Amino acid sequence: MRTQNGKNVCEQRKRNDLEQSTPNLESFLKNLDLKVLVKNANEFTIQEYRSSHKDKPIQSYDKTLPRI
């Protein structure tokens, strides 16, 4: 049975190999096969984030990525 750390190391190694074998960032991101759920922020989610990230400033990202 693998430890969580061992699993993370193995997954990172796979990502590194994939990054080396893809010609550009767009191909790399496509091959990761990520699923992302984006929701509008509301007072509850903002407070929840602030309480769990007290030592980190809230960052805003203004980057529109192409639809893949």
C-alpha atoms as a PDB file:
ATOM      1  CA  MET A   1       0.000   0.000   0.000  1.00  0.00           C
ATOM      2  CA  ARG A   2       1.420   3.362  -1.072  1.00  0.00           C
ATOM      3  CA  THR A   3       1.573   6.293   1.251  1.00  0.00           C
ATOM      4  CA  GLN A   4      -0.056   9.559   0.208  1.00  0.00           C
ATOM      5  CA  ASN A   5       3.385  11.131  -0.197  1.00  0.00           C
ATOM      6  CA  GLY A   6       4.528   8.268  -2.420  1.00  0.00           C
ATOM      7  CA  LYS A   7       1.395   8.639  -4.525  1.00  0.00           C
ATOM      8  CA  ASN A   8       1.990  12.389  -4.869  1.00  0.00           C
ATOM      9  CA  VAL A   9       5.604  11.817  -5.933  1.00  0.00           C
ATOM     10  CA  CYS A  10       4.484   9.285  -8.537  1.00  0.00           C
ATOM     11  CA  GLU A  11       1.791  11.630  -9.897  1.00  0.00           C
ATOM     12  CA  GLN A  12       4.267  14.527 -10.058  1.00  0.00           C
ATOM     13  CA  ARG A  13       6.719  12.343 -11.955  1.00  0.00           C
ATOM     14  CA  LYS A  14       3.978  11.516 -14.489  1.00  0.00           C
ATOM     15  CA  ARG A  15       3.163  15.235 -14.887  1.00  0.00           C
ATOM     16  CA  ASN A  16       6.846  16.043 -15.393  1.00  0.00           C
ATOM     17  CA  ASP A  17       7.150  13.327 -18.049  1.00  0.00           C
ATOM     18  CA  LEU A  18       4.035  14.627 -19.787  1.00  0.00           C
ATOM     19  CA  GLU A  19       5.340  18.193 -19.678  1.00  0.00           C
ATOM     20  CA  GLN A  20       8.602  17.096 -21.319  1.00  0.00           C
ATOM     21  CA  SER A  21       6.778  15.191 -24.068  1.00  0.00           C
ATOM     22  CA  THR A  22       4.326  17.910 -25.103  1.00  0.00           C
ATOM     23  CA  PRO A  23       5.275  20.718 -27.491  1.00  0.00           C
ATOM     24  CA  ASN A  24       3.408  23.551 -25.781  1.00  0.00           C
ATOM     25  CA  LEU A  25       1.375  24.566 -22.753  1.00  0.00           C
ATOM     26  CA  GLU A  26      -1.987  24.110 -24.458  1.00  0.00           C
ATOM     27  CA  SER A  27      -1.190  20.482 -25.344  1.00  0.00           C
ATOM     28  CA  PHE A  28       0.119  19.847 -21.856  1.00  0.00           C
ATOM     29  CA  LEU A  29      -3.074  21.167 -20.245  1.00  0.00           C
ATOM     30  CA  LYS A  30      -5.273  19.169 -22.636  1.00  0.00           C
ATOM     31  CA  ASN A  31      -3.397  15.981 -21.785  1.00  0.00           C
ATOM     32  CA  LEU A  32      -3.817  16.512 -18.049  1.00  0.00           C
ATOM     33  CA  ASP A  33      -7.541  15.879 -18.573  1.00  0.00           C
ATOM     34  CA  LEU A  34      -8.471  18.259 -15.756  1.00  0.00           C
ATOM     35  CA  LYS A  35     -12.048  18.876 -14.731  1.00  0.00           C
ATOM     36  CA  VAL A  36     -12.770  22.264 -13.183  1.00  0.00           C
ATOM     37  CA  LEU A  37     -15.988  23.542 -11.666  1.00  0.00           C
ATOM     38  CA  VAL A  38     -16.175  27.322 -11.493  1.00  0.00           C
ATOM     39  CA  LYS A  39     -18.836  28.987  -9.395  1.00  0.00           C
ATOM     40  CA  ASN A  40     -19.621  32.587  -8.616  1.00  0.00           C
ATOM     41  CA  ALA A  41     -18.256  33.762  -5.302  1.00  0.00           C
ATOM     42  CA  ASN A  42     -20.711  34.642  -2.573  1.00  0.00           C
ATOM     43  CA  GLU A  43     -20.335  35.872   0.994  1.00  0.00           C
ATOM     44  CA  PHE A  44     -20.127  32.312   2.356  1.00  0.00           C
ATOM     45  CA  THR A  45     -17.400  31.135  -0.044  1.00  0.00           C
ATOM     46  CA  ILE A  46     -15.361  34.299   0.493  1.00  0.00           C
ATOM     47  CA  GLN A  47     -15.527  33.939   4.281  1.00  0.00           C
ATOM     48  CA  GLU A  48     -14.718  30.218   4.015  1.00  0.00           C
ATOM     49  CA  TYR A  49     -11.673  30.988   1.863  1.00  0.00           C
ATOM     50  CA  ARG A  50     -10.456  33.726   4.187  1.00  0.00           C
ATOM     51  CA  SER A  51     -10.758  31.507   7.250  1.00  0.00           C
ATOM     52  CA  SER A  52      -8.762  28.694   5.637  1.00  0.00           C
ATOM     53  CA  HIS A  53      -6.097  30.956   4.069  1.00  0.00           C
ATOM     54  CA  LYS A  54      -5.430  33.470   6.818  1.00  0.00           C
ATOM     55  CA  ASP A  55      -1.715  33.719   6.018  1.00  0.00           C
ATOM     56  CA  LYS A  56      -2.193  34.223   2.247  1.00  0.00           C
ATOM     57  CA  PRO A  57      -3.574  37.288   0.474  1.00  0.00           C
ATOM     58  CA  ILE A  58      -6.577  36.837  -1.783  1.00  0.00           C
ATOM     59  CA  GLN A  59      -5.418  36.903  -5.381  1.00  0.00           C
ATOM     60  CA  SER A  60      -7.431  37.942  -8.369  1.00  0.00           C
ATOM     61  CA  TYR A  61      -6.762  36.427 -11.779  1.00  0.00           C
ATOM     62  CA  ASP A  62      -7.793  38.324 -14.870  1.00  0.00           C
ATOM     63  CA  LYS A  63      -6.764  35.817 -17.517  1.00  0.00           C
ATOM     64  CA  THR A  64      -9.114  34.437 -20.095  1.00  0.00           C
ATOM     65  CA  LEU A  65      -7.982  31.036 -21.257  1.00  0.00           C
ATOM     66  CA  PRO A  66      -8.998  29.597 -24.627  1.00  0.00           C
ATOM     67  CA  ARG A  67     -11.735  26.972 -24.565  1.00  0.00           C
ATOM     68  CA  ILE A  68     -10.241  23.555 -25.095  1.00  0.00           C
END
